[in-house]
N, C-alpha and C. Protein backbone atom coordinates (compact mmCIF):
# COMPACT_ATOMS: atom_id res chain seq x y z
N UNK A 1 -14.95 -91.09 131.29
CA UNK A 1 -15.97 -90.64 130.38
C UNK A 1 -16.20 -89.15 130.63
N UNK A 2 -16.08 -88.40 129.59
CA UNK A 2 -16.25 -86.96 129.70
C UNK A 2 -17.73 -86.62 129.65
N UNK A 3 -18.00 -85.35 129.94
CA UNK A 3 -19.38 -84.89 129.89
C UNK A 3 -19.94 -84.97 128.49
N UNK A 4 -19.13 -84.72 127.52
CA UNK A 4 -19.58 -84.77 126.13
C UNK A 4 -19.96 -86.19 125.73
N UNK A 5 -19.13 -87.16 126.12
CA UNK A 5 -19.44 -88.56 125.81
C UNK A 5 -20.72 -88.99 126.53
N UNK A 6 -20.85 -88.60 127.80
CA UNK A 6 -22.05 -88.94 128.56
C UNK A 6 -23.29 -88.31 127.92
N UNK A 7 -23.17 -87.05 127.54
CA UNK A 7 -24.29 -86.34 126.91
C UNK A 7 -24.66 -86.99 125.58
N UNK A 8 -23.68 -87.34 124.75
CA UNK A 8 -23.96 -87.97 123.46
C UNK A 8 -24.59 -89.35 123.63
N UNK A 9 -24.09 -90.14 124.59
CA UNK A 9 -24.68 -91.46 124.81
C UNK A 9 -26.11 -91.32 125.34
N UNK A 10 -26.37 -90.31 126.18
CA UNK A 10 -27.74 -90.09 126.67
C UNK A 10 -28.65 -89.66 125.52
N UNK A 11 -28.17 -88.80 124.62
CA UNK A 11 -28.96 -88.37 123.47
C UNK A 11 -29.24 -89.55 122.55
N UNK A 12 -28.24 -90.38 122.32
CA UNK A 12 -28.44 -91.56 121.47
C UNK A 12 -29.45 -92.51 122.10
N UNK A 13 -29.34 -92.72 123.41
CA UNK A 13 -30.28 -93.59 124.11
C UNK A 13 -31.70 -93.03 124.04
N UNK A 14 -31.85 -91.74 124.24
CA UNK A 14 -33.17 -91.11 124.14
C UNK A 14 -33.70 -91.19 122.72
N UNK A 15 -32.83 -91.02 121.73
CA UNK A 15 -33.25 -91.12 120.33
C UNK A 15 -33.72 -92.53 120.01
N UNK A 16 -33.01 -93.53 120.51
CA UNK A 16 -33.42 -94.92 120.27
C UNK A 16 -34.78 -95.19 120.92
N UNK A 17 -34.95 -94.74 122.14
CA UNK A 17 -36.24 -94.94 122.82
C UNK A 17 -37.35 -94.19 122.09
N UNK A 18 -37.07 -92.97 121.64
CA UNK A 18 -38.07 -92.20 120.89
C UNK A 18 -38.42 -92.90 119.58
N UNK A 19 -37.41 -93.46 118.90
CA UNK A 19 -37.68 -94.17 117.65
C UNK A 19 -38.54 -95.40 117.89
N UNK A 20 -38.22 -96.13 118.95
CA UNK A 20 -39.03 -97.32 119.27
C UNK A 20 -40.46 -96.92 119.60
N UNK A 21 -40.65 -95.87 120.37
CA UNK A 21 -42.00 -95.41 120.71
C UNK A 21 -42.73 -94.91 119.47
N UNK A 22 -42.03 -94.19 118.60
CA UNK A 22 -42.65 -93.71 117.37
C UNK A 22 -43.08 -94.88 116.50
N UNK A 23 -42.20 -95.86 116.35
CA UNK A 23 -42.52 -97.01 115.51
C UNK A 23 -43.68 -97.80 116.10
N UNK A 24 -43.74 -97.89 117.42
CA UNK A 24 -44.80 -98.64 118.09
C UNK A 24 -46.15 -97.96 117.87
N UNK A 25 -46.19 -96.64 118.00
CA UNK A 25 -47.46 -95.93 117.90
C UNK A 25 -47.74 -95.38 116.51
N UNK A 26 -46.87 -95.65 115.55
CA UNK A 26 -47.03 -95.13 114.20
C UNK A 26 -48.33 -95.63 113.59
N UNK A 27 -49.14 -94.74 113.06
CA UNK A 27 -50.37 -95.10 112.40
C UNK A 27 -51.49 -95.49 113.34
N UNK A 28 -51.28 -95.35 114.61
CA UNK A 28 -52.29 -95.74 115.58
C UNK A 28 -53.21 -94.58 115.86
N UNK A 29 -54.52 -94.86 115.79
CA UNK A 29 -55.49 -93.81 116.11
C UNK A 29 -56.14 -94.06 117.44
N UNK A 30 -55.98 -95.25 117.99
CA UNK A 30 -56.59 -95.57 119.28
C UNK A 30 -55.50 -95.85 120.29
N UNK A 31 -55.93 -96.11 121.51
CA UNK A 31 -54.96 -96.40 122.56
C UNK A 31 -54.47 -97.83 122.41
N UNK A 32 -53.16 -97.98 122.40
CA UNK A 32 -52.56 -99.31 122.34
C UNK A 32 -51.98 -99.64 123.69
N UNK A 33 -52.16 -100.87 124.09
CA UNK A 33 -51.63 -101.33 125.36
C UNK A 33 -50.21 -101.85 125.16
N UNK A 34 -49.31 -101.42 125.99
CA UNK A 34 -47.93 -101.89 125.88
C UNK A 34 -47.85 -103.35 126.31
N UNK A 35 -48.72 -103.77 127.23
CA UNK A 35 -48.68 -105.16 127.67
C UNK A 35 -49.28 -106.12 126.65
N UNK A 36 -50.15 -105.61 125.74
CA UNK A 36 -50.77 -106.46 124.72
C UNK A 36 -50.69 -105.75 123.36
N UNK A 37 -49.51 -105.61 122.79
CA UNK A 37 -49.39 -104.83 121.55
C UNK A 37 -50.02 -105.50 120.34
N UNK A 38 -49.91 -106.81 120.22
CA UNK A 38 -50.45 -107.50 119.04
C UNK A 38 -51.97 -107.43 119.05
N UNK A 39 -52.58 -107.71 120.20
CA UNK A 39 -54.04 -107.68 120.29
C UNK A 39 -54.58 -106.29 119.99
N UNK A 40 -53.86 -105.27 120.47
CA UNK A 40 -54.28 -103.90 120.21
C UNK A 40 -54.24 -103.57 118.72
N UNK A 41 -53.18 -104.00 118.05
CA UNK A 41 -53.07 -103.75 116.60
C UNK A 41 -54.14 -104.51 115.83
N UNK A 42 -54.41 -105.75 116.23
CA UNK A 42 -55.45 -106.53 115.55
C UNK A 42 -56.81 -105.88 115.76
N UNK A 43 -57.10 -105.46 116.99
CA UNK A 43 -58.38 -104.79 117.25
C UNK A 43 -58.51 -103.52 116.43
N UNK A 44 -57.43 -102.76 116.35
CA UNK A 44 -57.46 -101.53 115.57
C UNK A 44 -57.68 -101.82 114.09
N UNK A 45 -57.01 -102.84 113.57
CA UNK A 45 -57.18 -103.22 112.17
C UNK A 45 -58.62 -103.63 111.90
N UNK A 46 -59.18 -104.45 112.78
CA UNK A 46 -60.57 -104.88 112.58
C UNK A 46 -61.53 -103.70 112.65
N UNK A 47 -61.27 -102.77 113.57
CA UNK A 47 -62.13 -101.58 113.65
C UNK A 47 -62.09 -100.78 112.36
N UNK A 48 -60.91 -100.66 111.77
CA UNK A 48 -60.77 -99.86 110.54
C UNK A 48 -61.36 -100.56 109.32
N UNK A 49 -61.19 -101.88 109.22
CA UNK A 49 -61.50 -102.58 107.98
C UNK A 49 -62.68 -103.54 108.08
N UNK A 50 -63.48 -103.45 109.14
CA UNK A 50 -64.56 -104.42 109.32
C UNK A 50 -65.59 -104.34 108.21
N UNK A 51 -66.02 -103.14 107.86
CA UNK A 51 -67.02 -103.00 106.80
C UNK A 51 -66.51 -103.54 105.47
N UNK A 52 -65.24 -103.28 105.16
CA UNK A 52 -64.66 -103.80 103.92
C UNK A 52 -64.62 -105.33 103.93
N UNK A 53 -64.28 -105.91 105.07
CA UNK A 53 -64.22 -107.37 105.16
C UNK A 53 -65.60 -107.99 104.98
N UNK A 54 -66.62 -107.36 105.55
CA UNK A 54 -67.98 -107.89 105.41
C UNK A 54 -68.40 -107.87 103.96
N UNK A 55 -68.15 -106.76 103.27
CA UNK A 55 -68.55 -106.69 101.86
C UNK A 55 -67.67 -107.58 100.98
N UNK A 56 -66.38 -107.67 101.27
CA UNK A 56 -65.48 -108.49 100.45
C UNK A 56 -65.81 -109.97 100.58
N UNK A 57 -66.12 -110.41 101.79
CA UNK A 57 -66.39 -111.83 102.01
C UNK A 57 -67.86 -112.16 101.84
N UNK A 58 -68.67 -111.19 101.47
CA UNK A 58 -70.11 -111.36 101.28
C UNK A 58 -70.77 -111.92 102.54
N UNK A 59 -70.42 -111.36 103.68
CA UNK A 59 -71.01 -111.77 104.94
C UNK A 59 -72.32 -111.03 105.16
N UNK A 60 -73.20 -111.61 105.93
CA UNK A 60 -74.48 -110.97 106.24
C UNK A 60 -74.31 -110.08 107.46
N UNK A 61 -74.87 -108.89 107.38
CA UNK A 61 -74.85 -108.04 108.55
C UNK A 61 -76.11 -108.31 109.38
N UNK A 62 -76.22 -107.64 110.54
CA UNK A 62 -77.31 -107.96 111.46
C UNK A 62 -78.67 -107.60 110.87
N UNK A 63 -78.74 -106.61 110.00
CA UNK A 63 -80.02 -106.25 109.40
C UNK A 63 -80.48 -107.32 108.41
N UNK A 64 -79.55 -107.88 107.66
CA UNK A 64 -79.90 -108.96 106.74
C UNK A 64 -80.34 -110.20 107.51
N UNK A 65 -79.69 -110.48 108.62
CA UNK A 65 -80.06 -111.64 109.43
C UNK A 65 -81.44 -111.45 110.02
N UNK A 66 -81.73 -110.24 110.52
CA UNK A 66 -83.06 -109.97 111.08
C UNK A 66 -84.14 -110.09 110.02
N UNK A 67 -83.90 -109.54 108.84
CA UNK A 67 -84.93 -109.63 107.80
C UNK A 67 -85.12 -111.07 107.36
N UNK A 68 -84.04 -111.85 107.30
CA UNK A 68 -84.17 -113.27 106.97
C UNK A 68 -85.01 -113.99 108.02
N UNK A 69 -84.72 -113.72 109.29
CA UNK A 69 -85.48 -114.38 110.36
C UNK A 69 -86.95 -113.97 110.32
N UNK A 70 -87.21 -112.69 110.07
CA UNK A 70 -88.61 -112.25 110.00
C UNK A 70 -89.33 -112.86 108.82
N UNK A 71 -88.68 -112.97 107.69
CA UNK A 71 -89.32 -113.51 106.49
C UNK A 71 -89.49 -115.02 106.55
N UNK A 72 -88.55 -115.71 107.14
CA UNK A 72 -88.54 -117.17 107.12
C UNK A 72 -88.99 -117.80 108.43
N UNK A 73 -89.44 -117.01 109.39
CA UNK A 73 -89.77 -117.54 110.71
C UNK A 73 -90.88 -118.58 110.63
N UNK A 74 -91.94 -118.31 109.86
CA UNK A 74 -93.05 -119.27 109.78
C UNK A 74 -92.60 -120.57 109.12
N UNK A 75 -91.78 -120.47 108.10
CA UNK A 75 -91.27 -121.67 107.44
C UNK A 75 -90.35 -122.47 108.37
N UNK A 76 -89.55 -121.77 109.14
CA UNK A 76 -88.66 -122.44 110.09
C UNK A 76 -89.47 -123.17 111.15
N UNK A 77 -90.53 -122.53 111.66
CA UNK A 77 -91.37 -123.18 112.66
C UNK A 77 -92.06 -124.41 112.09
N UNK A 78 -92.53 -124.32 110.83
CA UNK A 78 -93.16 -125.47 110.19
C UNK A 78 -92.16 -126.60 110.02
N UNK A 79 -90.94 -126.26 109.62
CA UNK A 79 -89.91 -127.29 109.47
C UNK A 79 -89.56 -127.93 110.81
N UNK A 80 -89.55 -127.13 111.87
CA UNK A 80 -89.26 -127.68 113.19
C UNK A 80 -90.35 -128.64 113.64
N UNK A 81 -91.61 -128.31 113.33
CA UNK A 81 -92.70 -129.22 113.70
C UNK A 81 -92.60 -130.52 112.90
N UNK A 82 -92.24 -130.41 111.61
CA UNK A 82 -92.05 -131.63 110.81
C UNK A 82 -90.90 -132.46 111.36
N UNK A 83 -89.85 -131.80 111.80
CA UNK A 83 -88.72 -132.50 112.38
C UNK A 83 -89.13 -133.24 113.65
N UNK A 84 -89.96 -132.60 114.47
CA UNK A 84 -90.43 -133.25 115.69
C UNK A 84 -91.25 -134.50 115.36
N UNK A 85 -92.11 -134.41 114.33
CA UNK A 85 -92.89 -135.58 113.91
C UNK A 85 -91.96 -136.69 113.44
N UNK A 86 -90.95 -136.34 112.66
CA UNK A 86 -90.00 -137.35 112.18
C UNK A 86 -89.21 -137.98 113.33
N UNK A 87 -88.87 -137.21 114.33
CA UNK A 87 -88.16 -137.77 115.48
C UNK A 87 -89.04 -138.76 116.23
N UNK A 88 -90.32 -138.41 116.39
CA UNK A 88 -91.25 -139.35 117.04
C UNK A 88 -91.37 -140.63 116.22
N UNK A 89 -91.47 -140.50 114.91
CA UNK A 89 -91.56 -141.67 114.04
C UNK A 89 -90.30 -142.54 114.18
N UNK A 90 -89.16 -141.89 114.21
CA UNK A 90 -87.90 -142.62 114.34
C UNK A 90 -87.85 -143.40 115.65
N UNK A 91 -88.27 -142.77 116.73
CA UNK A 91 -88.26 -143.45 118.02
C UNK A 91 -89.21 -144.64 118.03
N UNK A 92 -90.40 -144.47 117.47
CA UNK A 92 -91.36 -145.58 117.45
C UNK A 92 -90.85 -146.71 116.55
N UNK A 93 -90.26 -146.36 115.42
CA UNK A 93 -89.73 -147.40 114.53
C UNK A 93 -88.55 -148.12 115.16
N UNK A 94 -87.71 -147.41 115.88
CA UNK A 94 -86.60 -148.07 116.57
C UNK A 94 -87.11 -149.06 117.61
N UNK A 95 -88.16 -148.67 118.33
CA UNK A 95 -88.75 -149.59 119.32
C UNK A 95 -89.33 -150.82 118.63
N UNK A 96 -90.04 -150.61 117.51
CA UNK A 96 -90.63 -151.74 116.78
C UNK A 96 -89.53 -152.65 116.22
N UNK A 97 -88.48 -152.06 115.66
CA UNK A 97 -87.39 -152.87 115.12
C UNK A 97 -86.68 -153.66 116.21
N UNK A 98 -86.50 -153.06 117.35
CA UNK A 98 -85.88 -153.77 118.47
C UNK A 98 -86.74 -154.96 118.88
N UNK A 99 -88.06 -154.73 118.95
CA UNK A 99 -88.99 -155.81 119.30
C UNK A 99 -88.94 -156.92 118.25
N UNK A 100 -88.93 -156.55 116.97
CA UNK A 100 -88.88 -157.56 115.91
C UNK A 100 -87.57 -158.35 115.94
N UNK A 101 -86.46 -157.68 116.22
CA UNK A 101 -85.18 -158.37 116.30
C UNK A 101 -85.16 -159.36 117.46
N UNK A 102 -85.77 -158.98 118.58
CA UNK A 102 -85.84 -159.89 119.72
C UNK A 102 -86.69 -161.12 119.36
N UNK A 103 -87.81 -160.89 118.70
CA UNK A 103 -88.67 -162.00 118.30
C UNK A 103 -87.95 -162.91 117.30
N UNK A 104 -87.20 -162.30 116.37
CA UNK A 104 -86.45 -163.09 115.39
C UNK A 104 -85.39 -163.94 116.08
N UNK A 105 -84.71 -163.37 117.05
CA UNK A 105 -83.69 -164.12 117.79
C UNK A 105 -84.31 -165.31 118.52
N UNK A 106 -85.49 -165.10 119.10
CA UNK A 106 -86.17 -166.20 119.80
C UNK A 106 -86.53 -167.29 118.81
N UNK A 107 -87.06 -166.89 117.64
CA UNK A 107 -87.44 -167.88 116.62
C UNK A 107 -86.23 -168.63 116.09
N UNK A 108 -85.11 -167.94 115.89
CA UNK A 108 -83.90 -168.60 115.40
C UNK A 108 -83.37 -169.60 116.42
N UNK A 109 -83.53 -169.31 117.69
CA UNK A 109 -83.08 -170.25 118.73
C UNK A 109 -83.97 -171.50 118.77
N UNK A 110 -85.24 -171.34 118.40
CA UNK A 110 -86.18 -172.47 118.45
C UNK A 110 -86.04 -173.40 117.25
N UNK A 111 -85.43 -172.94 116.17
CA UNK A 111 -85.28 -173.79 114.98
C UNK A 111 -84.23 -174.85 115.28
N UNK A 112 -84.61 -176.15 115.09
CA UNK A 112 -83.62 -177.19 115.34
C UNK A 112 -82.60 -177.25 114.21
N UNK A 113 -81.42 -177.67 114.50
CA UNK A 113 -80.38 -177.83 113.49
C UNK A 113 -79.49 -176.61 113.35
N UNK A 114 -79.67 -175.66 114.14
CA UNK A 114 -78.78 -174.49 114.06
C UNK A 114 -77.82 -174.49 115.19
């Protein structure tokens, strides 16, 4: 192998490495990790397009969520208290139904001919 062949193969190898590095970092504005290239690209994409995705998908931002919570907090608390009353009613009714079923079973056992 002559010096010219060695030099040309080294230039080609450097050009290939440079092309791969260029393609890897092309369009990147932030630091990309070589050990996690896909995650870095996804994070960069989300950073660039997050506002567009929120508006396109009609998602609520944190200010809308806060205003909803502030406006509906009293209604939510009232609904939670109603839910607690209904849970108590359910528990008491379950106890009564269990008692009635036990009494019915005793009565069915006492009936002759069954």
